[in-house]
Amino acid sequence: MKLVLFDIDGTLLNTGASGVKTINEVIYKKYGKQPNYDVKEIVGQTDKHNFDLIYKSVFNKKPTTKVINEILKDYLAALPGEIQHQIKNKKYRTLSGIENFLKELSKQKGVVLGLATGNTEGAARIKLEPAGFNKYFAIGGFGWDSEDRAKMLAVAVKKASKKYKYNFKPEDVFIIGDTHHDIMAAKANGYHSAVVLESSLADKEKLLRAAAELEAKDFTDIKLWFMWLGLTPDPKGVKKGSYIMPASAIEHVFFSRTGIDEESLKKFRIKKYEDLESGTLW
């Protein structure tokens, strides 16, 4: 079986920065102070990390568990209204090709879909509801499962293994996101990684250095995505793992950027990517 886990913001859909606007408004209404932080600090991170950072930007200290849970409650109450506001202003939209991709992918035998998002589960469901995407995702890893995105992904895989009574191995897991955080978290666990570029939310330099197995503008080319997932055979008919005649353009580009072929990559999966001998990515 294969487990395909999707990020939400910038990957499945764009919500007009509804999450950022909602948490800022919640903090202001609750404390009468405007948060002061760089949005780049929270892109691709988990809600648990972001709420702590935003609170600290106001009070210069971390919130207690009680305080953060109160903020979360207010956030979830306010988020649906902000989503509706973004829909009205036509700022809420799904990424190109994603509806058809999810529909076709869900028909594949031996393929399980799930979420791998920094949103809390409540926020994730609220954001997905207008697009009608909740039906595709029975399980997931969420921003309250762990502040660390790599650990959050591992939680998602554990949930899937339990629900579907199948022990998903690292090579069975495919992570689709839009920032270098998604790629790094995937590689820390030995999972496959791909990114979509349409939303343009990511730091392009860090995204390049993180070197996902696949970079695609959007989801309109289903054949390309199915080749990466191993659901469509390579037209050249060459066994994956060979660089002399790469199985696909994906492996060729990955090798040209990193000097690492598929077989070598397997050896690295026993370590965290940032601990490789070549040093840190940045």
Protein backbone atom coordinates (compact mmCIF):
# COMPACT_ATOMS: atom_id res chain seq x y z
CA MET A 1 0.00 0.00 0.00
CA LYS A 2 0.97 3.62 -0.49
CA LEU A 3 0.19 6.49 1.91
CA VAL A 4 -0.05 9.95 0.32
CA LEU A 5 -0.12 12.82 2.83
CA PHE A 6 -1.05 16.36 1.80
CA ASP A 7 -0.29 19.71 3.36
CA ILE A 8 -3.22 22.16 3.13
CA ASP A 9 -2.24 25.84 2.85
CA GLY A 10 -0.46 26.45 -0.44
CA THR A 11 -0.80 22.80 -1.41
CA LEU A 12 -4.48 21.87 -1.56
CA LEU A 13 -5.81 25.41 -1.46
CA ASN A 14 -5.17 29.06 -0.73
CA THR A 15 -7.42 30.70 1.85
CA GLY A 16 -6.35 34.32 1.50
CA ALA A 17 -4.12 34.08 4.59
CA SER A 18 -7.23 33.46 6.68
CA GLY A 19 -5.30 31.71 9.44
CA VAL A 20 -2.84 34.58 9.92
CA LYS A 21 -5.60 37.19 9.85
CA THR A 22 -7.71 35.22 12.33
CA ILE A 23 -4.99 34.64 14.93
CA ASN A 24 -3.90 38.29 14.73
CA GLU A 25 -7.48 39.43 15.27
CA VAL A 26 -7.96 36.99 18.17
CA ILE A 27 -4.84 38.26 19.94
CA TYR A 28 -5.86 41.87 19.41
CA LYS A 29 -9.41 41.39 20.68
CA LYS A 30 -8.26 39.32 23.64
CA TYR A 31 -5.35 41.47 24.80
CA GLY A 32 -5.72 44.82 23.02
CA LYS A 33 -2.28 44.46 21.46
CA GLN A 34 -1.23 43.89 17.86
CA PRO A 35 1.19 40.98 17.29
CA ASN A 36 4.57 41.98 15.87
CA TYR A 37 6.34 39.26 13.89
CA ASP A 38 7.58 38.39 10.41
CA VAL A 39 5.09 36.20 8.54
CA LYS A 40 8.06 34.30 7.06
CA GLU A 41 8.65 32.91 10.56
CA ILE A 42 5.38 30.99 10.52
CA VAL A 43 5.01 29.85 6.88
CA GLY A 44 5.20 26.05 6.78
CA GLN A 45 5.30 25.69 10.57
CA THR A 46 2.76 24.07 12.91
CA ASP A 47 -0.01 26.00 14.66
CA LYS A 48 1.46 25.02 18.02
CA HIS A 49 4.76 26.64 17.03
CA ASN A 50 3.06 29.68 15.50
CA PHE A 51 0.69 30.43 18.37
CA ASP A 52 3.60 30.31 20.81
CA LEU A 53 5.67 32.63 18.59
CA ILE A 54 2.84 35.12 18.07
CA TYR A 55 1.99 35.25 21.77
CA LYS A 56 5.67 35.73 22.60
CA SER A 57 5.86 38.63 20.11
CA VAL A 58 3.33 40.45 22.30
CA PHE A 59 4.37 39.44 25.83
CA ASN A 60 8.00 38.34 25.37
CA LYS A 61 7.28 35.01 27.07
CA LYS A 62 5.77 31.66 26.17
CA PRO A 63 2.08 31.13 26.95
CA THR A 64 0.94 28.61 29.53
CA THR A 65 -0.99 25.54 28.36
CA LYS A 66 -4.19 27.09 29.71
CA VAL A 67 -3.62 30.34 27.82
CA ILE A 68 -2.73 28.65 24.52
CA ASN A 69 -5.82 26.44 24.73
CA GLU A 70 -8.00 29.51 25.30
CA ILE A 71 -6.44 31.19 22.27
CA LEU A 72 -7.05 28.06 20.20
CA LYS A 73 -10.71 27.98 21.25
CA ASP A 74 -11.20 31.60 20.20
CA TYR A 75 -9.29 30.98 16.96
CA LEU A 76 -11.49 28.05 15.94
CA ALA A 77 -14.61 30.07 16.74
CA ALA A 78 -13.48 32.99 14.56
CA LEU A 79 -11.94 31.08 11.64
CA PRO A 80 -15.18 30.08 9.79
CA GLY A 81 -16.22 33.73 9.54
CA GLU A 82 -12.86 34.72 8.10
CA ILE A 83 -13.02 31.85 5.59
CA GLN A 84 -16.45 33.03 4.44
CA HIS A 85 -15.07 36.57 4.12
CA GLN A 86 -12.25 35.30 1.88
CA ILE A 87 -14.71 33.29 -0.22
CA LYS A 88 -16.86 36.40 -0.69
CA ASN A 89 -13.78 38.35 -1.78
CA LYS A 90 -12.76 35.49 -4.11
CA LYS A 91 -9.47 34.97 -2.27
CA TYR A 92 -10.30 31.38 -1.30
CA ARG A 93 -9.45 28.93 -4.07
CA THR A 94 -8.21 25.42 -4.71
CA LEU A 95 -4.92 24.83 -6.53
CA SER A 96 -5.04 24.11 -10.24
CA GLY A 97 -5.87 20.49 -11.00
CA ILE A 98 -6.17 19.36 -7.38
CA GLU A 99 -9.86 18.42 -7.50
CA ASN A 100 -9.35 16.03 -10.42
CA PHE A 101 -6.10 14.72 -8.93
CA LEU A 102 -7.78 13.82 -5.62
CA LYS A 103 -10.71 12.25 -7.43
CA GLU A 104 -8.47 10.05 -9.60
CA LEU A 105 -6.01 9.24 -6.81
CA SER A 106 -8.81 8.12 -4.49
CA LYS A 107 -9.86 5.54 -7.10
CA GLN A 108 -6.48 3.80 -7.07
CA LYS A 109 -6.27 0.42 -5.35
CA GLY A 110 -3.79 0.24 -2.53
CA VAL A 111 -3.57 4.03 -2.12
CA VAL A 112 -4.56 5.77 1.12
CA LEU A 113 -4.90 9.55 1.37
CA GLY A 114 -4.28 11.62 4.47
CA LEU A 115 -3.32 15.07 5.73
CA ALA A 116 0.04 16.33 6.95
CA THR A 117 -0.67 19.90 7.94
CA GLY A 118 0.49 22.44 10.48
CA ASN A 119 -3.15 23.32 11.12
CA THR A 120 -4.94 21.87 14.11
CA GLU A 121 -7.46 19.26 13.02
CA GLY A 122 -10.33 21.64 13.75
CA ALA A 123 -8.80 24.39 11.62
CA ALA A 124 -7.94 21.91 8.86
CA ARG A 125 -11.53 20.68 8.61
CA ILE A 126 -12.87 24.26 8.60
CA LYS A 127 -10.54 25.25 5.76
CA LEU A 128 -11.28 22.16 3.66
CA GLU A 129 -15.06 22.17 4.05
CA PRO A 130 -15.95 24.86 1.45
CA ALA A 131 -13.91 22.97 -1.18
CA GLY A 132 -15.58 19.66 -0.29
CA PHE A 133 -12.21 18.00 0.37
CA ASN A 134 -12.83 16.56 3.85
CA LYS A 135 -14.31 13.40 2.31
CA TYR A 136 -10.91 12.42 0.93
CA PHE A 137 -9.05 12.50 4.25
CA ALA A 138 -10.02 10.13 7.05
CA ILE A 139 -6.73 10.52 8.93
CA GLY A 140 -3.88 12.95 9.28
CA GLY A 141 -1.11 14.54 11.27
CA PHE A 142 -1.96 17.99 12.63
CA GLY A 143 -0.33 21.03 14.18
CA TRP A 144 -1.36 20.12 17.71
CA ASP A 145 0.12 16.60 17.48
CA SER A 146 3.61 18.05 17.76
CA GLU A 147 5.37 21.39 17.37
CA ASP A 148 7.99 19.55 15.32
CA ARG A 149 6.78 18.91 11.77
CA ALA A 150 8.85 15.74 11.31
CA LYS A 151 7.31 14.22 14.43
CA MET A 152 3.88 15.32 13.25
CA LEU A 153 4.38 13.38 10.01
CA ALA A 154 5.37 10.28 11.98
CA VAL A 155 2.16 10.62 14.01
CA ALA A 156 0.13 10.73 10.77
CA VAL A 157 1.77 7.53 9.53
CA LYS A 158 1.15 5.83 12.87
CA LYS A 159 -2.54 6.81 12.73
CA ALA A 160 -2.81 5.46 9.18
CA SER A 161 -1.13 2.18 10.13
CA LYS A 162 -3.58 1.71 12.98
CA LYS A 163 -6.69 2.62 10.98
CA TYR A 164 -5.86 0.57 7.90
CA LYS A 165 -4.13 -2.26 9.79
CA TYR A 166 -1.05 -2.00 7.61
CA ASN A 167 2.51 -1.25 8.62
CA PHE A 168 3.49 1.60 6.31
CA LYS A 169 7.26 1.63 5.79
CA PRO A 170 9.12 4.87 4.96
CA GLU A 171 9.31 3.97 1.27
CA ASP A 172 5.51 3.62 1.22
CA VAL A 173 4.93 7.22 2.37
CA PHE A 174 4.67 10.20 0.00
CA ILE A 175 4.56 13.78 1.34
CA ILE A 176 3.17 16.60 -0.81
CA GLY A 177 3.70 20.17 0.39
CA ASP A 178 4.79 23.61 -0.75
CA THR A 179 7.71 24.68 1.50
CA HIS A 180 11.14 23.42 2.47
CA HIS A 181 9.70 22.51 5.87
CA ASP A 182 7.57 19.82 4.20
CA ILE A 183 10.60 18.41 2.40
CA MET A 184 12.89 18.45 5.44
CA ALA A 185 10.27 16.81 7.65
CA ALA A 186 9.73 14.10 5.04
CA LYS A 187 13.45 13.42 4.66
CA ALA A 188 13.95 13.29 8.43
CA ASN A 189 11.63 10.27 8.39
CA GLY A 190 12.89 8.76 5.13
CA TYR A 191 9.66 9.54 3.27
CA HIS A 192 9.31 10.60 -0.37
CA SER A 193 8.76 14.33 -0.93
CA ALA A 194 7.22 16.56 -3.58
CA VAL A 195 6.29 20.24 -3.72
CA VAL A 196 3.86 22.36 -5.71
CA LEU A 197 4.99 25.85 -6.67
CA GLU A 198 1.76 27.60 -7.67
CA SER A 199 1.13 29.38 -4.37
CA SER A 200 4.65 30.93 -4.28
CA LEU A 201 4.60 31.06 -0.46
CA ALA A 202 7.92 29.29 -0.02
CA ASP A 203 11.44 30.65 0.30
CA LYS A 204 12.69 29.72 -3.17
CA GLU A 205 16.36 29.37 -2.20
CA LYS A 206 15.61 27.06 0.72
CA LEU A 207 13.16 25.11 -1.40
CA LEU A 208 15.85 24.56 -4.04
CA ARG A 209 18.42 23.43 -1.47
CA ALA A 210 15.99 21.08 0.23
CA ALA A 211 15.74 19.21 -3.11
CA ALA A 212 12.38 17.47 -3.22
CA GLU A 213 12.12 14.43 -5.48
CA LEU A 214 9.50 16.25 -7.53
CA GLU A 215 8.73 19.92 -8.09
CA ALA A 216 5.60 20.70 -10.10
CA LYS A 217 3.80 23.94 -10.84
CA ASP A 218 0.44 22.44 -9.90
CA PHE A 219 -1.58 19.21 -10.19
CA THR A 220 -2.77 19.49 -13.78
CA ASP A 221 -0.28 16.91 -15.10
CA ILE A 222 -1.69 13.81 -13.39
CA LYS A 223 0.59 11.49 -15.36
CA LEU A 224 3.66 13.18 -13.90
CA TRP A 225 2.32 12.79 -10.34
CA PHE A 226 1.30 9.19 -10.96
CA MET A 227 4.80 8.40 -12.25
CA TRP A 228 6.31 9.84 -9.07
CA LEU A 229 3.92 7.76 -6.97
CA GLY A 230 4.79 4.65 -8.94
CA LEU A 231 1.21 4.27 -10.18
CA THR A 232 2.05 4.82 -13.86
CA PRO A 233 4.99 2.93 -15.39
CA ASP A 234 7.84 4.95 -16.80
CA PRO A 235 7.50 5.06 -20.60
CA LYS A 236 11.20 4.23 -20.95
CA GLY A 237 10.68 1.04 -18.96
CA VAL A 238 13.91 1.49 -17.00
CA LYS A 239 14.09 0.20 -13.44
CA LYS A 240 14.07 2.99 -10.86
CA GLY A 241 17.33 3.54 -9.04
CA SER A 242 19.51 3.61 -12.15
CA TYR A 243 21.12 6.91 -12.97
CA ILE A 244 22.86 5.82 -16.20
CA MET A 245 19.42 5.76 -17.79
CA PRO A 246 17.18 7.53 -15.25
CA ALA A 247 13.69 6.16 -14.76
CA SER A 248 12.32 9.65 -15.25
CA ALA A 249 13.22 13.29 -15.65
CA ILE A 250 12.52 13.63 -11.92
CA GLU A 251 15.54 11.47 -10.99
CA HIS A 252 17.70 13.21 -13.58
CA VAL A 253 16.96 16.67 -12.16
CA PHE A 254 17.38 15.45 -8.57
CA PHE A 255 20.79 13.95 -9.40
CA SER A 256 21.93 17.07 -11.25
CA ARG A 257 21.11 19.23 -8.23
CA THR A 258 22.42 17.01 -5.48
CA GLY A 259 24.76 14.37 -6.95
CA ILE A 260 22.62 11.80 -5.17
CA ASP A 261 20.92 8.97 -7.06
CA GLU A 262 18.03 6.87 -5.76
CA GLU A 263 20.23 4.07 -4.40
CA SER A 264 22.49 6.49 -2.54
CA LEU A 265 19.48 8.32 -1.14
CA LYS A 266 18.32 5.13 0.58
CA LYS A 267 21.56 5.06 2.57
CA PHE A 268 20.96 8.60 3.81
CA ARG A 269 17.50 7.86 5.15
CA ILE A 270 18.98 6.44 8.35
CA LYS A 271 20.09 9.95 9.29
CA LYS A 272 18.45 13.32 9.60
CA TYR A 273 19.05 15.19 6.36
CA GLU A 274 20.68 18.14 8.11
CA ASP A 275 23.21 15.80 9.79
CA LEU A 276 24.71 14.49 6.55
CA GLU A 277 28.47 14.90 6.07
CA SER A 278 27.90 17.58 3.44
CA GLY A 279 26.65 19.87 6.22
CA THR A 280 23.51 21.83 6.75
CA LEU A 281 21.38 23.12 3.91
CA TRP A 282 21.72 26.76 5.00
